Amino acid sequence: MVIHPVTRLASILILTFALAMPARAVSLLRDADMEYALSQVAAPVLRAAGLSAARTKILVVNDGTLNAFVVSNDAIYIHSGLIGRMENAAMLQAVIAHEAAHIANGHITRRMTNLGNARTAAGLGMALAVIAAAAGGGEAAGAIAIGSQSAAMRAFLTHTRAEESSADQSGARYLRSAGIPLSGMLDVFRLFRGQEVLSAARQDPYVRSHPLSRDRLRAIEGYAAAYGNQTSADSAKWDYWFARAKGKLTAYQRRPNWTLNRLGDTGYRDVALMREAMARHRNSQTRKALTAIDKAIALQPSDPFYYDLKGQILMETRQFAAAANAHGRAVQLRPRDGLLQASYGRALLATGNARAALPALERARQIDFRDGSMLRDLSVAYARTGNNGMASLVTAERYALRGSLEDAGIHAKRATGLLPEGSGPWQRAHDVLLASERAAKRKR
């Protein structure tokens, strides 16, 4: 086995995140296609904000309420309910611009710098848990501990009106720089208009964490009037990727018949076929599902994500060899995607070829060490190839990421007895074991 230089650092980060895990959790919706689509929509805004479009993730929280937030400088979280209510890319880009402004204007960094007592430190711990979740769970709805229900986290997320006005102004500037019409920002504000007169219990979380006001709405109307409603030549591309992200999300969350009755809503033939494939698959119409996704592939033969969806359908109908072929084609087209690599490794493992699965899963781990589903598959691959020490180590790290330090300690202790003492993997196991022992002492 090749030990990558990042592995010890990854071990330390795993323990940091594990110790930060809160008791209550929500979940992230992880899908390679959807995340790529969102990254395409976000890229011009992030670049205008001076942020790295490659390093700043746009992640979807599995929650039907209207909300978006940031807790670190490398990810923007958007609730699925908010995406579902949006009608075009400009609306989504407006939300991303506003949240990017909180990062670029130093609002998050300032809060972390000002943490000075145990109560706010707990909020930071929960924020770290969200950061840990940024690449967690290769499944469509892997459970991730975020703890947004806690009082400390709510306090951490709440912005002042001054910060909101600053983010509005910066966000409008980013949109203008990217050639995105400010009508999208106005449409978002109109979604929340009137919420402030409701009781706190009835308001959407966005209103509680991002205080609105008539003055802010008038200011945005003023920006829109001054800047005009210019449109970039790339707007058609952004609308396509928005339609694809929203189409994938609604096909996953809505009833299959709802999706089948609205296949043409997106206006794009390949997206309609993708949504049909998902709905047919969920209705156990495997042949029709495969026919639909094959038609989408025929329209977009170099699209890795349609091959990935085909592989998922084949995997879930126990056609493992065909699934491995489909996932293999996906990683050929996009080899640096951790979720695609993990799916390929999972399919190879299902065929019984653990030796072939191992390098694919290790590549996935190198790209994204916090993917819990991938870690589970990787531990199985190690066990089936006779490397029980590595199997125990990876299992220990998977439990640590979940915050189950007692279970992590059991597997870490086993790993230290099986791995060569002093080696990189042994040291990783030893780190987990020490963290487990410290956690046990605190409980006593």
Protein backbone atom coordinates (compact mmCIF):
# COMPACT_ATOMS: atom_id res chain seq x y z
CA MET A 1 0.00 0.00 0.00
CA VAL A 2 1.17 3.54 -0.80
CA ILE A 3 0.93 5.93 2.15
CA HIS A 4 0.17 9.43 0.92
CA PRO A 5 1.78 12.37 2.81
CA VAL A 6 -1.67 13.74 3.65
CA THR A 7 -2.76 10.69 5.64
CA ARG A 8 -1.47 11.75 9.08
CA LEU A 9 -3.00 15.20 8.65
CA ALA A 10 -6.25 13.56 7.59
CA SER A 11 -6.17 11.49 10.77
CA ILE A 12 -5.77 14.62 12.89
CA LEU A 13 -8.63 16.36 11.06
CA ILE A 14 -10.88 13.34 11.52
CA LEU A 15 -10.34 13.53 15.27
CA THR A 16 -10.92 17.29 15.33
CA PHE A 17 -14.22 16.85 13.55
CA ALA A 18 -15.23 13.85 15.64
CA LEU A 19 -14.73 15.76 18.88
CA ALA A 20 -16.84 18.57 17.47
CA MET A 21 -19.86 16.46 16.57
CA PRO A 22 -23.10 17.70 18.14
CA ALA A 23 -25.89 15.49 19.37
CA ARG A 24 -28.51 16.51 16.84
CA ALA A 25 -28.09 16.24 13.11
CA VAL A 26 -29.49 17.07 9.73
CA SER A 27 -28.29 15.61 6.47
CA LEU A 28 -26.56 16.61 3.28
CA LEU A 29 -27.70 15.47 -0.13
CA ARG A 30 -24.55 14.29 -1.90
CA ASP A 31 -24.60 13.67 -5.64
CA ALA A 32 -21.70 14.20 -8.03
CA ASP A 33 -23.95 15.47 -10.84
CA MET A 34 -25.83 17.93 -8.66
CA GLU A 35 -22.70 19.29 -7.00
CA TYR A 36 -20.98 19.79 -10.35
CA ALA A 37 -24.06 21.59 -11.70
CA LEU A 38 -24.15 23.89 -8.67
CA SER A 39 -20.43 24.58 -9.05
CA GLN A 40 -21.03 25.72 -12.64
CA VAL A 41 -23.76 28.11 -11.53
CA ALA A 42 -21.63 29.44 -8.66
CA ALA A 43 -18.29 29.81 -10.47
CA PRO A 44 -18.75 33.32 -11.96
CA VAL A 45 -20.03 34.69 -8.65
CA LEU A 46 -17.22 33.16 -6.61
CA ARG A 47 -14.60 34.47 -9.01
CA ALA A 48 -16.13 37.96 -8.82
CA ALA A 49 -15.92 37.71 -5.02
CA GLY A 50 -12.24 36.79 -5.20
CA LEU A 51 -12.89 33.27 -3.93
CA SER A 52 -11.62 30.03 -5.44
CA ALA A 53 -14.36 28.45 -7.53
CA ALA A 54 -12.50 25.13 -7.32
CA ARG A 55 -12.20 25.11 -3.52
CA THR A 56 -15.51 26.63 -2.40
CA LYS A 57 -18.15 23.91 -2.35
CA ILE A 58 -21.87 24.49 -2.82
CA LEU A 59 -23.58 21.84 -0.72
CA VAL A 60 -27.26 20.98 -0.35
CA VAL A 61 -28.82 20.50 3.07
CA ASN A 62 -31.73 18.05 3.08
CA ASP A 63 -34.30 20.42 4.56
CA GLY A 64 -37.52 21.74 3.08
CA THR A 65 -37.29 25.16 4.75
CA LEU A 66 -35.87 28.22 3.02
CA ASN A 67 -32.32 28.85 4.22
CA ALA A 68 -28.68 29.29 3.23
CA PHE A 69 -25.64 29.81 5.41
CA VAL A 70 -21.86 29.70 5.73
CA VAL A 71 -19.80 28.51 8.70
CA SER A 72 -16.38 28.37 7.07
CA ASN A 73 -14.47 29.93 4.21
CA ASP A 74 -14.70 26.91 1.92
CA ALA A 75 -18.38 25.96 1.66
CA ILE A 76 -21.81 27.52 1.16
CA TYR A 77 -24.80 25.50 2.37
CA ILE A 78 -28.21 25.85 0.70
CA HIS A 79 -31.38 24.11 1.86
CA SER A 80 -33.09 21.91 -0.70
CA GLY A 81 -36.36 23.73 0.01
CA LEU A 82 -34.85 27.03 -1.15
CA ILE A 83 -33.54 25.53 -4.40
CA GLY A 84 -36.95 23.99 -5.01
CA ARG A 85 -38.61 27.43 -4.78
CA MET A 86 -36.19 29.12 -7.18
CA GLU A 87 -37.10 29.61 -10.82
CA ASN A 88 -33.81 30.41 -12.53
CA ALA A 89 -30.04 30.51 -12.17
CA ALA A 90 -30.01 34.23 -11.34
CA MET A 91 -31.96 33.61 -8.11
CA LEU A 92 -29.53 30.92 -6.98
CA GLN A 93 -26.56 33.09 -7.97
CA ALA A 94 -27.98 35.95 -5.88
CA VAL A 95 -28.07 33.74 -2.77
CA ILE A 96 -24.54 32.49 -3.48
CA ALA A 97 -23.34 36.07 -3.99
CA HIS A 98 -24.78 37.14 -0.64
CA GLU A 99 -23.22 34.19 1.23
CA ALA A 100 -19.92 34.63 -0.63
CA ALA A 101 -19.91 38.24 0.58
CA HIS A 102 -20.07 37.06 4.20
CA ILE A 103 -16.88 35.10 3.48
CA ALA A 104 -15.11 37.77 1.44
CA ASN A 105 -16.02 40.55 3.89
CA GLY A 106 -14.50 38.60 6.77
CA HIS A 107 -17.71 38.09 8.75
CA ILE A 108 -17.03 34.40 9.42
CA THR A 109 -13.33 34.91 10.12
CA ARG A 110 -14.13 37.69 12.58
CA ARG A 111 -16.53 35.49 14.49
CA MET A 112 -14.01 32.70 14.79
CA THR A 113 -11.34 35.17 15.92
CA ASN A 114 -13.66 36.60 18.56
CA LEU A 115 -14.56 33.27 20.09
CA GLY A 116 -13.60 33.76 23.70
CA ASN A 117 -15.62 31.52 25.99
CA ALA A 118 -16.74 27.94 26.30
CA ARG A 119 -20.23 28.64 25.04
CA THR A 120 -19.11 30.21 21.76
CA ALA A 121 -16.36 27.62 21.46
CA ALA A 122 -19.12 25.02 21.41
CA GLY A 123 -20.57 26.91 18.45
CA LEU A 124 -17.21 26.69 16.71
CA GLY A 125 -17.09 22.97 17.43
CA MET A 126 -20.42 22.57 15.69
CA ALA A 127 -19.17 24.70 12.81
CA LEU A 128 -16.22 22.35 12.47
CA ALA A 129 -18.65 19.47 12.31
CA VAL A 130 -20.28 21.13 9.32
CA ILE A 131 -16.88 21.59 7.68
CA ALA A 132 -16.24 17.90 8.27
CA ALA A 133 -19.51 17.18 6.52
CA ALA A 134 -18.46 19.11 3.44
CA ALA A 135 -17.35 15.93 1.72
CA GLY A 136 -19.15 13.32 3.79
CA GLY A 137 -21.40 10.52 2.64
CA GLY A 138 -21.36 9.29 -0.93
CA GLU A 139 -25.01 8.26 -0.74
CA ALA A 140 -27.78 10.57 -1.88
CA ALA A 141 -28.75 11.44 1.68
CA GLY A 142 -25.90 10.45 3.98
CA ALA A 143 -26.57 11.60 7.56
CA ILE A 144 -24.17 14.31 8.64
CA ALA A 145 -23.99 15.87 12.09
CA ILE A 146 -24.47 19.59 11.63
CA GLY A 147 -26.35 20.56 14.75
CA SER A 148 -28.06 23.62 13.30
CA GLN A 149 -30.80 23.23 15.91
CA SER A 150 -28.49 24.17 18.80
CA ALA A 151 -28.61 27.60 20.40
CA ALA A 152 -24.86 28.01 19.96
CA MET A 153 -25.04 27.30 16.24
CA ARG A 154 -27.99 29.62 15.74
CA ALA A 155 -26.03 32.37 17.47
CA PHE A 156 -23.02 31.65 15.29
CA LEU A 157 -25.07 31.87 12.09
CA THR A 158 -27.00 35.03 12.96
CA HIS A 159 -25.78 38.11 11.11
CA THR A 160 -26.32 41.73 12.16
CA ARG A 161 -28.26 44.11 9.97
CA ALA A 162 -25.00 45.95 9.25
CA GLU A 163 -23.41 42.72 8.02
CA GLU A 164 -26.48 41.97 5.93
CA SER A 165 -26.44 45.38 4.28
CA SER A 166 -22.72 44.99 3.60
CA ALA A 167 -23.29 41.54 2.08
CA ASP A 168 -26.17 42.87 -0.04
CA GLN A 169 -24.01 45.64 -1.47
CA SER A 170 -21.03 43.35 -2.11
CA GLY A 171 -23.27 40.63 -3.54
CA ALA A 172 -24.87 43.08 -5.95
CA ARG A 173 -21.41 44.17 -7.06
CA TYR A 174 -20.35 40.55 -7.67
CA LEU A 175 -23.47 39.91 -9.73
CA ARG A 176 -22.90 43.00 -11.81
CA SER A 177 -19.25 42.05 -12.38
CA ALA A 178 -20.31 38.57 -13.52
CA GLY A 179 -23.00 39.89 -15.86
CA ILE A 180 -25.87 38.44 -13.82
CA PRO A 181 -29.12 40.45 -13.63
CA LEU A 182 -30.01 41.82 -10.19
CA SER A 183 -33.61 40.80 -10.82
CA GLY A 184 -32.63 37.45 -9.31
CA MET A 185 -31.70 39.11 -6.01
CA LEU A 186 -35.00 41.01 -6.01
CA ASP A 187 -36.90 37.78 -6.65
CA VAL A 188 -35.17 36.15 -3.66
CA PHE A 189 -36.09 39.08 -1.41
CA ARG A 190 -39.69 38.80 -2.56
CA LEU A 191 -39.71 35.16 -1.47
CA PHE A 192 -39.13 36.32 2.08
CA ARG A 193 -41.16 39.55 2.01
CA GLY A 194 -43.67 39.61 4.83
CA GLN A 195 -41.85 36.99 6.90
CA GLU A 196 -40.74 39.49 9.53
CA VAL A 197 -44.32 40.10 10.67
CA LEU A 198 -44.70 36.40 11.48
CA SER A 199 -43.82 34.90 14.85
CA ALA A 200 -40.31 33.47 15.10
CA ALA A 201 -41.70 29.93 15.14
CA ARG A 202 -43.37 30.46 11.75
CA GLN A 203 -40.51 32.25 10.02
CA ASP A 204 -38.16 30.46 7.69
CA PRO A 205 -34.64 30.05 9.14
CA TYR A 206 -33.21 32.48 6.58
CA VAL A 207 -35.20 35.34 8.09
CA ARG A 208 -34.03 34.51 11.61
CA SER A 209 -30.35 34.29 10.64
CA HIS A 210 -30.42 37.02 7.95
CA PRO A 211 -32.62 39.83 9.33
CA LEU A 212 -34.59 41.48 6.53
CA SER A 213 -35.92 45.01 6.37
CA ARG A 214 -37.81 47.29 4.00
CA ASP A 215 -34.69 49.46 3.83
CA ARG A 216 -32.62 46.54 2.51
CA LEU A 217 -35.23 45.74 -0.12
CA ARG A 218 -35.34 49.39 -1.24
CA ALA A 219 -31.55 49.44 -1.41
CA ILE A 220 -31.52 46.38 -3.70
CA GLU A 221 -34.19 48.00 -5.88
CA GLY A 222 -31.91 51.03 -6.08
CA TYR A 223 -28.91 48.88 -7.08
CA ALA A 224 -31.00 47.18 -9.76
CA ALA A 225 -32.16 50.49 -11.17
CA ALA A 226 -28.62 51.90 -11.20
CA TYR A 227 -26.87 48.82 -12.58
CA GLY A 228 -29.50 47.85 -15.13
CA ASN A 229 -30.43 44.28 -15.98
CA GLN A 230 -27.46 43.24 -18.11
CA THR A 231 -27.16 39.60 -19.10
CA SER A 232 -23.95 37.69 -19.76
CA ALA A 233 -23.49 35.56 -22.86
CA ASP A 234 -23.02 32.67 -20.45
CA SER A 235 -26.49 32.99 -18.91
CA ALA A 236 -27.90 30.19 -21.09
CA LYS A 237 -25.20 27.84 -19.78
CA TRP A 238 -25.94 28.81 -16.17
CA ASP A 239 -29.67 28.27 -16.69
CA TYR A 240 -28.96 24.80 -18.09
CA TRP A 241 -26.92 23.77 -15.05
CA PHE A 242 -29.49 25.27 -12.69
CA ALA A 243 -32.25 23.28 -14.43
CA ARG A 244 -30.13 20.16 -14.14
CA ALA A 245 -29.42 20.61 -10.42
CA LYS A 246 -33.04 21.42 -9.59
CA GLY A 247 -34.30 18.65 -11.89
CA LYS A 248 -32.08 16.06 -10.20
CA LEU A 249 -33.06 17.29 -6.74
CA THR A 250 -36.80 17.27 -7.34
CA ALA A 251 -36.67 13.87 -9.07
CA TYR A 252 -34.98 12.51 -5.97
CA GLN A 253 -37.28 14.15 -3.42
CA ARG A 254 -40.68 14.16 -5.13
CA ARG A 255 -42.93 11.19 -5.88
CA PRO A 256 -42.08 9.44 -9.17
CA ASN A 257 -45.47 10.21 -10.74
CA TRP A 258 -45.05 13.92 -9.89
CA THR A 259 -41.78 13.87 -11.83
CA LEU A 260 -43.21 11.91 -14.77
CA ASN A 261 -46.00 14.46 -15.13
CA ARG A 262 -43.48 17.31 -15.33
CA LEU A 263 -40.66 15.95 -17.47
CA GLY A 264 -40.75 18.89 -19.87
CA ASP A 265 -40.60 21.58 -17.18
CA THR A 266 -36.83 22.04 -17.47
CA GLY A 267 -36.84 22.73 -21.22
CA TYR A 268 -33.84 20.46 -21.85
CA ARG A 269 -34.25 17.05 -23.48
CA ASP A 270 -31.32 15.34 -21.74
CA VAL A 271 -32.42 16.64 -18.33
CA ALA A 272 -35.96 15.38 -18.97
CA LEU A 273 -34.57 11.94 -19.84
CA MET A 274 -32.40 11.91 -16.72
CA ARG A 275 -35.42 12.74 -14.57
CA GLU A 276 -37.49 10.09 -16.34
CA ALA A 277 -34.79 7.49 -15.66
CA MET A 278 -34.83 8.34 -11.95
CA ALA A 279 -38.61 8.21 -11.73
CA ARG A 280 -38.87 4.95 -13.69
CA HIS A 281 -36.20 3.40 -11.50
CA ARG A 282 -38.02 4.43 -8.33
CA ASN A 283 -41.18 2.84 -9.79
CA SER A 284 -39.22 -0.41 -10.36
CA GLN A 285 -39.48 -0.01 -14.14
CA THR A 286 -35.86 -0.96 -14.76
CA ARG A 287 -36.05 -1.49 -18.51
CA LYS A 288 -37.73 1.88 -19.09
CA ALA A 289 -35.26 3.56 -16.73
CA LEU A 290 -32.27 2.19 -18.63
CA THR A 291 -33.84 3.14 -21.95
CA ALA A 292 -34.27 6.73 -20.73
CA ILE A 293 -30.73 7.11 -19.39
CA ASP A 294 -29.27 5.53 -22.54
CA LYS A 295 -31.10 8.18 -24.58
CA ALA A 296 -29.62 10.88 -22.34
CA ILE A 297 -26.15 9.39 -22.86
CA ALA A 298 -26.72 9.37 -26.62
CA LEU A 299 -27.39 13.12 -26.42
CA GLN A 300 -24.40 13.77 -24.11
CA PRO A 301 -21.90 10.93 -24.75
CA SER A 302 -19.07 12.63 -22.83
CA ASP A 303 -21.10 13.36 -19.71
CA PRO A 304 -19.70 11.30 -16.78
CA PHE A 305 -22.70 11.88 -14.55
CA TYR A 306 -25.18 10.16 -16.84
CA TYR A 307 -22.95 7.08 -16.83
CA ASP A 308 -22.85 7.37 -13.04
CA LEU A 309 -26.67 7.38 -12.87
CA LYS A 310 -26.81 4.39 -15.18
CA GLY A 311 -24.36 2.61 -12.91
CA GLN A 312 -26.51 3.43 -9.88
CA ILE A 313 -29.61 1.98 -11.55
CA LEU A 314 -27.71 -1.17 -12.50
CA MET A 315 -26.18 -1.51 -9.01
CA GLU A 316 -29.55 -1.20 -7.31
CA THR A 317 -31.00 -3.86 -9.61
CA ARG A 318 -28.04 -6.17 -8.84
CA GLN A 319 -26.48 -6.04 -12.31
CA PHE A 320 -23.06 -5.58 -10.80
CA ALA A 321 -20.76 -6.24 -13.77
CA ALA A 322 -22.69 -3.84 -15.99
CA ALA A 323 -22.73 -1.29 -13.16
CA ALA A 324 -18.94 -1.51 -12.83
CA ASN A 325 -18.60 -0.85 -16.57
CA ALA A 326 -20.84 2.21 -16.38
CA HIS A 327 -19.07 3.61 -13.32
CA GLY A 328 -15.73 2.84 -14.91
CA ARG A 329 -16.67 4.97 -17.91
CA ALA A 330 -17.70 7.79 -15.55
CA VAL A 331 -14.29 7.87 -13.83
CA GLN A 332 -12.51 7.71 -17.20
CA LEU A 333 -14.31 10.91 -18.13
CA ARG A 334 -13.81 12.61 -14.74
CA PRO A 335 -11.07 10.87 -12.71
CA ARG A 336 -10.66 13.54 -10.00
CA ASP A 337 -14.18 13.28 -8.64
CA GLY A 338 -14.17 11.51 -5.28
CA LEU A 339 -17.85 10.55 -5.37
CA LEU A 340 -17.49 8.98 -8.83
CA GLN A 341 -14.38 7.06 -7.75
CA ALA A 342 -16.18 5.80 -4.66
CA SER A 343 -19.13 4.59 -6.75
CA TYR A 344 -16.75 2.77 -9.10
CA GLY A 345 -14.99 1.08 -6.21
CA ARG A 346 -18.33 0.08 -4.68
CA ALA A 347 -19.43 -1.51 -7.96
CA LEU A 348 -16.16 -3.44 -8.32
CA LEU A 349 -16.54 -4.64 -4.75
CA ALA A 350 -20.05 -5.86 -5.53
CA THR A 351 -18.68 -7.96 -8.41
CA GLY A 352 -16.45 -9.75 -5.91
CA ASN A 353 -13.25 -8.19 -7.26
CA ALA A 354 -11.93 -6.62 -4.06
CA ARG A 355 -8.38 -6.28 -5.41
CA ALA A 356 -9.60 -4.11 -8.28
CA ALA A 357 -11.88 -2.15 -5.95
CA LEU A 358 -9.08 -1.30 -3.52
CA PRO A 359 -7.13 1.21 -5.68
CA ALA A 360 -10.34 2.96 -6.79
CA LEU A 361 -11.48 3.34 -3.19
CA GLU A 362 -8.03 4.53 -2.11
CA ARG A 363 -8.13 7.16 -4.86
CA ALA A 364 -11.54 8.22 -3.58
CA ARG A 365 -10.13 8.42 -0.05
CA GLN A 366 -7.21 10.55 -1.21
CA ILE A 367 -9.61 13.00 -2.86
CA ASP A 368 -12.23 12.94 -0.09
CA PHE A 369 -11.20 11.26 3.17
CA ARG A 370 -14.45 12.24 4.94
CA ASP A 371 -16.84 10.15 2.81
CA GLY A 372 -18.33 7.69 5.30
CA SER A 373 -19.84 5.33 2.72
CA MET A 374 -16.52 5.10 0.90
CA LEU A 375 -14.70 4.32 4.17
CA ARG A 376 -17.12 1.49 4.86
CA ASP A 377 -16.47 0.01 1.42
CA LEU A 378 -12.72 0.53 1.77
CA SER A 379 -12.64 -1.39 5.05
CA VAL A 380 -14.51 -4.27 3.39
CA ALA A 381 -12.05 -4.26 0.49
CA TYR A 382 -9.10 -4.42 2.87
CA ALA A 383 -10.69 -7.25 4.84
CA ARG A 384 -11.42 -9.27 1.70
CA THR A 385 -7.83 -8.87 0.51
CA GLY A 386 -6.49 -10.12 3.85
CA ASN A 387 -5.28 -6.80 5.30
CA ASN A 388 -7.20 -6.85 8.57
CA GLY A 389 -5.03 -4.16 10.14
CA MET A 390 -5.98 -1.59 7.50
CA ALA A 391 -9.60 -2.77 7.63
CA SER A 392 -9.68 -2.04 11.37
CA LEU A 393 -7.97 1.32 10.92
CA VAL A 394 -10.41 2.53 8.27
CA THR A 395 -13.34 1.31 10.37
CA ALA A 396 -11.96 3.22 13.36
CA GLU A 397 -11.70 6.38 11.30
CA ARG A 398 -15.23 5.93 9.98
CA TYR A 399 -16.60 5.66 13.52
CA ALA A 400 -14.53 8.68 14.58
CA LEU A 401 -16.06 10.75 11.77
CA ARG A 402 -19.50 9.78 13.02
CA GLY A 403 -18.55 10.89 16.53
CA SER A 404 -18.73 7.32 17.91
CA LEU A 405 -15.38 7.47 19.66
CA GLU A 406 -16.03 4.47 21.89
CA ASP A 407 -16.52 2.20 18.86
CA ALA A 408 -13.63 3.94 17.10
CA GLY A 409 -11.37 3.09 20.02
CA ILE A 410 -12.24 -0.61 19.85
CA HIS A 411 -11.24 -0.85 16.19
CA ALA A 412 -8.21 1.43 16.64
CA LYS A 413 -6.86 -0.80 19.41
CA ARG A 414 -7.25 -3.82 17.14
CA ALA A 415 -5.48 -1.96 14.32
CA THR A 416 -2.47 -1.03 16.50
CA GLY A 417 -2.01 -4.71 17.28
CA LEU A 418 -2.04 -5.71 13.60
CA LEU A 419 -0.14 -2.90 11.87
CA PRO A 420 3.66 -2.50 11.93
CA GLU A 421 4.48 -0.36 14.96
CA GLY A 422 5.64 3.13 14.06
CA SER A 423 4.31 3.00 10.51
CA GLY A 424 2.04 5.71 9.16
CA PRO A 425 -1.15 3.62 9.42
CA TRP A 426 -0.16 2.49 12.95
CA GLN A 427 0.27 6.15 13.98
CA ARG A 428 -3.16 7.02 12.59
CA ALA A 429 -4.70 4.19 14.60
CA HIS A 430 -2.80 5.30 17.69
CA ASP A 431 -4.16 8.85 17.31
CA VAL A 432 -7.73 7.56 17.18
CA LEU A 433 -7.10 5.33 20.20
CA LEU A 434 -5.76 8.24 22.27
CA ALA A 435 -8.75 10.39 21.32
CA SER A 436 -11.12 7.61 22.33
CA GLU A 437 -9.39 7.24 25.70
CA ARG A 438 -9.52 10.98 26.34
CA ALA A 439 -13.24 11.04 25.48
CA ALA A 440 -13.87 8.17 27.91
CA LYS A 441 -12.06 10.03 30.70
CA ARG A 442 -14.17 13.12 30.13
CA LYS A 443 -17.34 11.06 30.46
CA ARG A 444 -16.19 9.74 33.83
